């Protein structure tokens, strides 16, 4: 469980995770090179597995 915008959520979406843990917006993410986007997606998958 995580708190997002004062709400309890079961699981963070990728962009919620990106914003909370990496301090990055959706727009910033989309401006990154493809390989960096893939790295963040892999990190998110690892984060989900650890929950």
C-alpha atoms as a PDB file:
ATOM      1  CA  UNK A   1       0.000   0.000   0.000  1.00  0.00           C
ATOM      2  CA  UNK A   2       1.166   3.475  -0.837  1.00  0.00           C
ATOM      3  CA  UNK A   3      -0.306   6.913  -0.358  1.00  0.00           C
ATOM      4  CA  UNK A   4      -0.774   9.020  -3.491  1.00  0.00           C
ATOM      5  CA  UNK A   5      -2.507  12.392  -3.301  1.00  0.00           C
ATOM      6  CA  UNK A   6      -3.768  11.515   0.185  1.00  0.00           C
ATOM      7  CA  UNK A   7      -5.306   8.257  -1.091  1.00  0.00           C
ATOM      8  CA  UNK A   8      -4.252   4.721  -0.287  1.00  0.00           C
ATOM      9  CA  UNK A   9      -3.506   2.779  -3.429  1.00  0.00           C
ATOM     10  CA  UNK A  10      -2.901  -0.945  -3.755  1.00  0.00           C
ATOM     11  CA  UNK A  11      -0.186  -0.607  -6.348  1.00  0.00           C
ATOM     12  CA  UNK A  12       1.556   2.382  -7.861  1.00  0.00           C
ATOM     13  CA  UNK A  13       1.292   2.877 -11.583  1.00  0.00           C
ATOM     14  CA  UNK A  14       4.531   3.324 -13.457  1.00  0.00           C
ATOM     15  CA  UNK A  15       4.168   7.093 -13.682  1.00  0.00           C
ATOM     16  CA  UNK A  16       3.201   7.431 -10.013  1.00  0.00           C
ATOM     17  CA  UNK A  17       6.308   5.450  -9.091  1.00  0.00           C
ATOM     18  CA  UNK A  18       8.441   7.557 -11.430  1.00  0.00           C
ATOM     19  CA  UNK A  19       7.164  10.764  -9.872  1.00  0.00           C
ATOM     20  CA  UNK A  20       7.508   9.651  -6.246  1.00  0.00           C
ATOM     21  CA  UNK A  21      10.809   7.769  -6.365  1.00  0.00           C
ATOM     22  CA  UNK A  22      12.625   9.335  -9.298  1.00  0.00           C
ATOM     23  CA  UNK A  23      11.102  12.852  -9.114  1.00  0.00           C
ATOM     24  CA  UNK A  24      10.392  12.793 -12.832  1.00  0.00           C
ATOM     25  CA  UNK A  25       7.281  13.779 -14.755  1.00  0.00           C
ATOM     26  CA  UNK A  26       5.697  11.893 -17.620  1.00  0.00           C
ATOM     27  CA  UNK A  27       6.851  14.603 -20.032  1.00  0.00           C
ATOM     28  CA  UNK A  28      10.459  14.411 -18.808  1.00  0.00           C
ATOM     29  CA  UNK A  29      10.379  10.628 -19.109  1.00  0.00           C
ATOM     30  CA  UNK A  30       9.198  10.752 -22.704  1.00  0.00           C
ATOM     31  CA  UNK A  31      12.069  13.083 -23.589  1.00  0.00           C
ATOM     32  CA  UNK A  32      14.664  10.567 -22.400  1.00  0.00           C
ATOM     33  CA  UNK A  33      16.514   8.325 -24.849  1.00  0.00           C
ATOM     34  CA  UNK A  34      14.901   4.922 -25.385  1.00  0.00           C
ATOM     35  CA  UNK A  35      17.545   2.964 -23.452  1.00  0.00           C
ATOM     36  CA  UNK A  36      17.011   5.128 -20.343  1.00  0.00           C
ATOM     37  CA  UNK A  37      13.244   4.642 -20.577  1.00  0.00           C
ATOM     38  CA  UNK A  38      13.813   0.881 -20.686  1.00  0.00           C
ATOM     39  CA  UNK A  39      16.056   1.071 -17.619  1.00  0.00           C
ATOM     40  CA  UNK A  40      13.372   2.890 -15.639  1.00  0.00           C
ATOM     41  CA  UNK A  41      10.763   0.350 -16.711  1.00  0.00           C
ATOM     42  CA  UNK A  42      13.007  -2.476 -15.486  1.00  0.00           C
ATOM     43  CA  UNK A  43      13.539  -0.687 -12.174  1.00  0.00           C
ATOM     44  CA  UNK A  44       9.763  -0.366 -11.807  1.00  0.00           C
ATOM     45  CA  UNK A  45       9.334  -4.102 -12.427  1.00  0.00           C
ATOM     46  CA  UNK A  46      11.905  -4.827  -9.718  1.00  0.00           C
ATOM     47  CA  UNK A  47      10.087  -2.442  -7.378  1.00  0.00           C
ATOM     48  CA  UNK A  48       6.808  -4.314  -7.996  1.00  0.00           C
ATOM     49  CA  UNK A  49       8.425  -7.669  -7.252  1.00  0.00           C
ATOM     50  CA  UNK A  50       9.754  -6.407  -3.935  1.00  0.00           C
ATOM     51  CA  UNK A  51       6.315  -5.312  -2.750  1.00  0.00           C
END
